Amino acid sequence: MLAQFSPGQYVRHPQEPNWGVGQVQSSVADRVTVNFEHAGKQLIIVGLVELIVLSEEEAHKEQNRGN
C-alpha cells in the first residue's frame, strides 16, 4: 500500500541523506514532488522509494543541525 502525502509534510529520502530535509510540494497517485534542502525539487515515485516522514519538530531540528 502506498503512503499518502500532503503538501507541507516534511520527509527524508532514505537512500539520499545528503539531500537533507524535504518538504512535499504535491502528491498525485504514486508521484510526490519534494523540495529538498540540498537537491532542490525532485519527483519521487513512492512505489520505488519509501520516504521517511518527519514531524515539523524533527524537520526543524535536522535543518538547524546543518547550519
PDB file of N, CA and C in Angstrom:
ATOM      1  N   MET A   1       0.833  -1.187   0.000  1.00  0.00           N
ATOM      2  CA  MET A   1       0.000   0.000   0.000  1.00  0.00           C
ATOM      3  C   MET A   1       0.877   1.249   0.000  1.00  0.00           C
ATOM      4  N   LEU A   2       0.482   2.243  -0.794  1.00  0.00           N
ATOM      5  CA  LEU A   2       1.250   3.471  -0.900  1.00  0.00           C
ATOM      6  C   LEU A   2       0.856   4.445   0.196  1.00  0.00           C
ATOM      7  N   ALA A   3       1.856   5.106   0.743  1.00  0.00           N
ATOM      8  CA  ALA A   3       1.595   6.124   1.766  1.00  0.00           C
ATOM      9  C   ALA A   3       0.979   7.353   1.107  1.00  0.00           C
ATOM     10  N   GLN A   4       0.160   8.058   1.842  1.00  0.00           N
ATOM     11  CA  GLN A   4      -0.443   9.296   1.360  1.00  0.00           C
ATOM     12  C   GLN A   4       0.398  10.466   1.863  1.00  0.00           C
ATOM     13  N   PHE A   5       0.689  11.394   0.979  1.00  0.00           N
ATOM     14  CA  PHE A   5       1.470  12.561   1.348  1.00  0.00           C
ATOM     15  C   PHE A   5       0.653  13.811   1.076  1.00  0.00           C
ATOM     16  N   SER A   6       0.859  14.822   1.906  1.00  0.00           N
ATOM     17  CA  SER A   6       0.154  16.093   1.766  1.00  0.00           C
ATOM     18  C   SER A   6       1.166  17.221   1.625  1.00  0.00           C
ATOM     19  N   PRO A   7       0.825  18.239   0.821  1.00  0.00           N
ATOM     20  CA  PRO A   7       1.717  19.398   0.727  1.00  0.00           C
ATOM     21  C   PRO A   7       2.016  19.965   2.113  1.00  0.00           C
ATOM     22  N   GLY A   8       3.295  20.289   2.317  1.00  0.00           N
ATOM     23  CA  GLY A   8       3.727  20.844   3.597  1.00  0.00           C
ATOM     24  C   GLY A   8       4.376  19.819   4.511  1.00  0.00           C
ATOM     25  N   GLN A   9       4.134  18.523   4.260  1.00  0.00           N
ATOM     26  CA  GLN A   9       4.761  17.487   5.092  1.00  0.00           C
ATOM     27  C   GLN A   9       6.270  17.508   4.888  1.00  0.00           C
ATOM     28  N   TYR A  10       6.999  17.149   5.937  1.00  0.00           N
ATOM     29  CA  TYR A  10       8.454  17.060   5.869  1.00  0.00           C
ATOM     30  C   TYR A  10       8.868  15.602   5.735  1.00  0.00           C
ATOM     31  N   VAL A  11       9.867  15.345   4.883  1.00  0.00           N
ATOM     32  CA  VAL A  11      10.328  13.983   4.625  1.00  0.00           C
ATOM     33  C   VAL A  11      11.837  13.961   4.448  1.00  0.00           C
ATOM     34  N   ARG A  12      12.380  12.745   4.505  1.00  0.00           N
ATOM     35  CA  ARG A  12      13.780  12.481   4.148  1.00  0.00           C
ATOM     36  C   ARG A  12      13.777  11.343   3.152  1.00  0.00           C
ATOM     37  N   HIS A  13      14.760  11.342   2.257  1.00  0.00           N
ATOM     38  CA  HIS A  13      14.939  10.248   1.297  1.00  0.00           C
ATOM     39  C   HIS A  13      15.927   9.270   1.927  1.00  0.00           C
ATOM     40  N   PRO A  14      15.526   8.012   2.136  1.00  0.00           N
ATOM     41  CA  PRO A  14      16.411   7.080   2.861  1.00  0.00           C
ATOM     42  C   PRO A  14      17.724   6.754   2.151  1.00  0.00           C
ATOM     43  N   GLN A  15      17.750   6.801   0.824  1.00  0.00           N
ATOM     44  CA  GLN A  15      18.990   6.494   0.095  1.00  0.00           C
ATOM     45  C   GLN A  15      19.824   7.738  -0.223  1.00  0.00           C
ATOM     46  N   GLU A  16      19.289   8.914   0.085  1.00  0.00           N
ATOM     47  CA  GLU A  16      19.997  10.167  -0.236  1.00  0.00           C
ATOM     48  C   GLU A  16      20.039  11.097   0.978  1.00  0.00           C
ATOM     49  N   PRO A  17      20.732  10.711   2.049  1.00  0.00           N
ATOM     50  CA  PRO A  17      20.756  11.547   3.250  1.00  0.00           C
ATOM     51  C   PRO A  17      21.353  12.934   3.014  1.00  0.00           C
ATOM     52  N   ASN A  18      22.232  13.074   2.024  1.00  0.00           N
ATOM     53  CA  ASN A  18      22.846  14.378   1.751  1.00  0.00           C
ATOM     54  C   ASN A  18      21.867  15.382   1.147  1.00  0.00           C
ATOM     55  N   TRP A  19      20.708  14.920   0.715  1.00  0.00           N
ATOM     56  CA  TRP A  19      19.701  15.833   0.175  1.00  0.00           C
ATOM     57  C   TRP A  19      19.087  16.675   1.284  1.00  0.00           C
ATOM     58  N   GLY A  20      19.198  16.226   2.523  1.00  0.00           N
ATOM     59  CA  GLY A  20      18.637  16.959   3.647  1.00  0.00           C
ATOM     60  C   GLY A  20      17.133  16.769   3.766  1.00  0.00           C
ATOM     61  N   VAL A  21      16.518  17.642   4.530  1.00  0.00           N
ATOM     62  CA  VAL A  21      15.075  17.582   4.767  1.00  0.00           C
ATOM     63  C   VAL A  21      14.355  18.108   3.532  1.00  0.00           C
ATOM     64  N   GLY A  22      13.272  17.437   3.185  1.00  0.00           N
ATOM     65  CA  GLY A  22      12.459  17.883   2.063  1.00  0.00           C
ATOM     66  C   GLY A  22      11.054  18.219   2.523  1.00  0.00           C
ATOM     67  N   GLN A  23      10.404  19.088   1.759  1.00  0.00           N
ATOM     68  CA  GLN A  23       9.016  19.431   2.049  1.00  0.00           C
ATOM     69  C   GLN A  23       8.184  19.065   0.821  1.00  0.00           C
ATOM     70  N   VAL A  24       7.117  18.306   1.059  1.00  0.00           N
ATOM     71  CA  VAL A  24       6.246  17.868  -0.021  1.00  0.00           C
ATOM     72  C   VAL A  24       5.566  19.086  -0.645  1.00  0.00           C
ATOM     73  N   GLN A  25       5.646  19.158  -1.971  1.00  0.00           N
ATOM     74  CA  GLN A  25       5.003  20.234  -2.721  1.00  0.00           C
ATOM     75  C   GLN A  25       3.666  19.767  -3.296  1.00  0.00           C
ATOM     76  N   SER A  26       3.635  18.521  -3.801  1.00  0.00           N
ATOM     77  CA  SER A  26       2.404  17.967  -4.349  1.00  0.00           C
ATOM     78  C   SER A  26       2.482  16.450  -4.345  1.00  0.00           C
ATOM     79  N   SER A  27       1.312  15.822  -4.431  1.00  0.00           N
ATOM     80  CA  SER A  27       1.226  14.371  -4.442  1.00  0.00           C
ATOM     81  C   SER A  27       0.065  13.972  -5.345  1.00  0.00           C
ATOM     82  N   VAL A  28       0.385  13.225  -6.422  1.00  0.00           N
ATOM     83  CA  VAL A  28      -0.625  12.747  -7.352  1.00  0.00           C
ATOM     84  C   VAL A  28      -0.336  11.276  -7.617  1.00  0.00           C
ATOM     85  N   ALA A  29      -1.291  10.432  -7.240  1.00  0.00           N
ATOM     86  CA  ALA A  29      -1.138   8.977  -7.375  1.00  0.00           C
ATOM     87  C   ALA A  29       0.140   8.541  -6.655  1.00  0.00           C
ATOM     88  N   ASP A  30       1.074   7.900  -7.374  1.00  0.00           N
ATOM     89  CA  ASP A  30       2.299   7.403  -6.732  1.00  0.00           C
ATOM     90  C   ASP A  30       3.477   8.361  -6.899  1.00  0.00           C
ATOM     91  N   ARG A  31       3.214   9.581  -7.336  1.00  0.00           N
ATOM     92  CA  ARG A  31       4.290  10.558  -7.578  1.00  0.00           C
ATOM     93  C   ARG A  31       4.184  11.723  -6.596  1.00  0.00           C
ATOM     94  N   VAL A  32       5.301  11.969  -5.931  1.00  0.00           N
ATOM     95  CA  VAL A  32       5.350  13.040  -4.939  1.00  0.00           C
ATOM     96  C   VAL A  32       6.477  13.989  -5.329  1.00  0.00           C
ATOM     97  N   THR A  33       6.160  15.261  -5.440  1.00  0.00           N
ATOM     98  CA  THR A  33       7.177  16.275  -5.715  1.00  0.00           C
ATOM     99  C   THR A  33       7.620  16.852  -4.383  1.00  0.00           C
ATOM    100  N   VAL A  34       8.941  16.787  -4.150  1.00  0.00           N
ATOM    101  CA  VAL A  34       9.515  17.217  -2.878  1.00  0.00           C
ATOM    102  C   VAL A  34      10.615  18.231  -3.155  1.00  0.00           C
ATOM    103  N   ASN A  35      10.635  19.296  -2.377  1.00  0.00           N
ATOM    104  CA  ASN A  35      11.705  20.294  -2.461  1.00  0.00           C
ATOM    105  C   ASN A  35      12.679  20.025  -1.319  1.00  0.00           C
ATOM    106  N   PHE A  36      13.864  19.472  -1.671  1.00  0.00           N
ATOM    107  CA  PHE A  36      14.884  19.134  -0.680  1.00  0.00           C
ATOM    108  C   PHE A  36      15.854  20.295  -0.485  1.00  0.00           C
ATOM    109  N   GLU A  37      16.369  20.414   0.756  1.00  0.00           N
ATOM    110  CA  GLU A  37      17.310  21.487   1.106  1.00  0.00           C
ATOM    111  C   GLU A  37      18.489  21.579   0.150  1.00  0.00           C
ATOM    112  N   HIS A  38      19.116  20.435  -0.142  1.00  0.00           N
ATOM    113  CA  HIS A  38      20.372  20.432  -0.887  1.00  0.00           C
ATOM    114  C   HIS A  38      20.271  19.776  -2.258  1.00  0.00           C
ATOM    115  N   ALA A  39      19.055  19.435  -2.688  1.00  0.00           N
ATOM    116  CA  ALA A  39      18.893  18.801  -4.001  1.00  0.00           C
ATOM    117  C   ALA A  39      17.785  19.455  -4.822  1.00  0.00           C
ATOM    118  N   GLY A  40      17.125  20.438  -4.232  1.00  0.00           N
ATOM    119  CA  GLY A  40      16.065  21.118  -4.957  1.00  0.00           C
ATOM    120  C   GLY A  40      14.843  20.240  -5.162  1.00  0.00           C
ATOM    121  N   LYS A  41      14.075  20.564  -6.189  1.00  0.00           N
ATOM    122  CA  LYS A  41      12.823  19.869  -6.452  1.00  0.00           C
ATOM    123  C   LYS A  41      13.094  18.518  -7.106  1.00  0.00           C
ATOM    124  N   GLN A  42      12.530  17.464  -6.518  1.00  0.00           N
ATOM    125  CA  GLN A  42      12.709  16.102  -7.029  1.00  0.00           C
ATOM    126  C   GLN A  42      11.346  15.418  -7.119  1.00  0.00           C
ATOM    127  N   LEU A  43      11.145  14.651  -8.181  1.00  0.00           N
ATOM    128  CA  LEU A  43       9.936  13.850  -8.335  1.00  0.00           C
ATOM    129  C   LEU A  43      10.237  12.446  -7.826  1.00  0.00           C
ATOM    130  N   ILE A  44       9.528  12.022  -6.814  1.00  0.00           N
ATOM    131  CA  ILE A  44       9.758  10.724  -6.181  1.00  0.00           C
ATOM    132  C   ILE A  44       8.585   9.802  -6.502  1.00  0.00           C
ATOM    133  N   ILE A  45       8.891   8.596  -6.961  1.00  0.00           N
ATOM    134  CA  ILE A  45       7.859   7.581  -7.174  1.00  0.00           C
ATOM    135  C   ILE A  45       7.833   6.730  -5.909  1.00  0.00           C
ATOM    136  N   VAL A  46       6.771   6.888  -5.120  1.00  0.00           N
ATOM    137  CA  VAL A  46       6.739   6.273  -3.794  1.00  0.00           C
ATOM    138  C   VAL A  46       6.604   4.756  -3.840  1.00  0.00           C
ATOM    139  N   GLY A  47       6.324   4.184  -4.984  1.00  0.00           N
ATOM    140  CA  GLY A  47       6.351   2.738  -5.114  1.00  0.00           C
ATOM    141  C   GLY A  47       7.774   2.200  -5.138  1.00  0.00           C
ATOM    142  N   LEU A  48       8.737   3.080  -5.453  1.00  0.00           N
ATOM    143  CA  LEU A  48      10.150   2.692  -5.525  1.00  0.00           C
ATOM    144  C   LEU A  48      10.962   3.175  -4.338  1.00  0.00           C
ATOM    145  N   VAL A  49      10.531   4.279  -3.734  1.00  0.00           N
ATOM    146  CA  VAL A  49      11.256   4.884  -2.610  1.00  0.00           C
ATOM    147  C   VAL A  49      10.287   5.099  -1.459  1.00  0.00           C
ATOM    148  N   GLU A  50      10.634   4.585  -0.290  1.00  0.00           N
ATOM    149  CA  GLU A  50       9.797   4.777   0.890  1.00  0.00           C
ATOM    150  C   GLU A  50      10.314   5.979   1.673  1.00  0.00           C
ATOM    151  N   LEU A  51       9.749   7.150   1.382  1.00  0.00           N
ATOM    152  CA  LEU A  51      10.172   8.370   2.068  1.00  0.00           C
ATOM    153  C   LEU A  51       9.912   8.257   3.566  1.00  0.00           C
ATOM    154  N   ILE A  52      10.788   8.853   4.351  1.00  0.00           N
ATOM    155  CA  ILE A  52      10.655   8.862   5.806  1.00  0.00           C
ATOM    156  C   ILE A  52       9.955  10.159   6.198  1.00  0.00           C
ATOM    157  N   VAL A  53       8.787  10.034   6.800  1.00  0.00           N
ATOM    158  CA  VAL A  53       8.015  11.206   7.210  1.00  0.00           C
ATOM    159  C   VAL A  53       8.574  11.730   8.528  1.00  0.00           C
ATOM    160  N   LEU A  54       8.776  13.054   8.594  1.00  0.00           N
ATOM    161  CA  LEU A  54       9.277  13.706   9.802  1.00  0.00           C
ATOM    162  C   LEU A  54       8.193  14.618  10.361  1.00  0.00           C
ATOM    163  N   SER A  55       8.188  14.749  11.671  1.00  0.00           N
ATOM    164  CA  SER A  55       7.310  15.753  12.278  1.00  0.00           C
ATOM    165  C   SER A  55       7.934  17.121  11.995  1.00  0.00           C
ATOM    166  N   GLU A  56       7.156  18.166  12.170  1.00  0.00           N
ATOM    167  CA  GLU A  56       7.681  19.519  11.961  1.00  0.00           C
ATOM    168  C   GLU A  56       8.852  19.787  12.903  1.00  0.00           C
ATOM    169  N   GLU A  57       8.732  19.306  14.135  1.00  0.00           N
ATOM    170  CA  GLU A  57       9.803  19.492  15.126  1.00  0.00           C
ATOM    171  C   GLU A  57      11.084  18.769  14.694  1.00  0.00           C
ATOM    172  N   GLU A  58      10.961  17.506  14.243  1.00  0.00           N
ATOM    173  CA  GLU A  58      12.124  16.749  13.781  1.00  0.00           C
ATOM    174  C   GLU A  58      12.790  17.435  12.587  1.00  0.00           C
ATOM    175  N   ALA A  59      11.965  17.918  11.679  1.00  0.00           N
ATOM    176  CA  ALA A  59      12.499  18.585  10.477  1.00  0.00           C
ATOM    177  C   ALA A  59      13.293  19.824  10.854  1.00  0.00           C
ATOM    178  N   HIS A  60      12.762  20.643  11.750  1.00  0.00           N
ATOM    179  CA  HIS A  60      13.463  21.866  12.151  1.00  0.00           C
ATOM    180  C   HIS A  60      14.760  21.537  12.892  1.00  0.00           C
ATOM    181  N   LYS A  61      14.759  20.493  13.709  1.00  0.00           N
ATOM    182  CA  LYS A  61      15.993  20.083  14.395  1.00  0.00           C
ATOM    183  C   LYS A  61      17.052  19.670  13.394  1.00  0.00           C
ATOM    184  N   GLU A  62      16.656  18.877  12.393  1.00  0.00           N
ATOM    185  CA  GLU A  62      17.614  18.421  11.382  1.00  0.00           C
ATOM    186  C   GLU A  62      18.128  19.586  10.540  1.00  0.00           C
ATOM    187  N   GLN A  63      17.245  20.511  10.192  1.00  0.00           N
ATOM    188  CA  GLN A  63      17.665  21.680   9.409  1.00  0.00           C
ATOM    189  C   GLN A  63      18.645  22.535  10.196  1.00  0.00           C
ATOM    190  N   ASN A  64      18.403  22.719  11.489  1.00  0.00           N
ATOM    191  CA  ASN A  64      19.291  23.538  12.321  1.00  0.00           C
ATOM    192  C   ASN A  64      20.631  22.866  12.557  1.00  0.00           C
ATOM    193  N   ARG A  65      20.661  21.519  12.536  1.00  0.00           N
ATOM    194  CA  ARG A  65      21.901  20.782  12.709  1.00  0.00           C
ATOM    195  C   ARG A  65      22.889  21.080  11.589  1.00  0.00           C
ATOM    196  N   GLY A  66      22.359  21.321  10.399  1.00  0.00           N
ATOM    197  CA  GLY A  66      23.215  21.586   9.247  1.00  0.00           C
ATOM    198  C   GLY A  66      23.733  23.008   9.180  1.00  0.00           C
ATOM    199  N   ASN A  67      23.206  23.891  10.007  1.00  0.00           N
ATOM    200  CA  ASN A  67      23.633  25.307   9.974  1.00  0.00           C
ATOM    201  C   ASN A  67      24.724  25.592  10.977  1.00  0.00           C
TER     202      ASN A  67
END
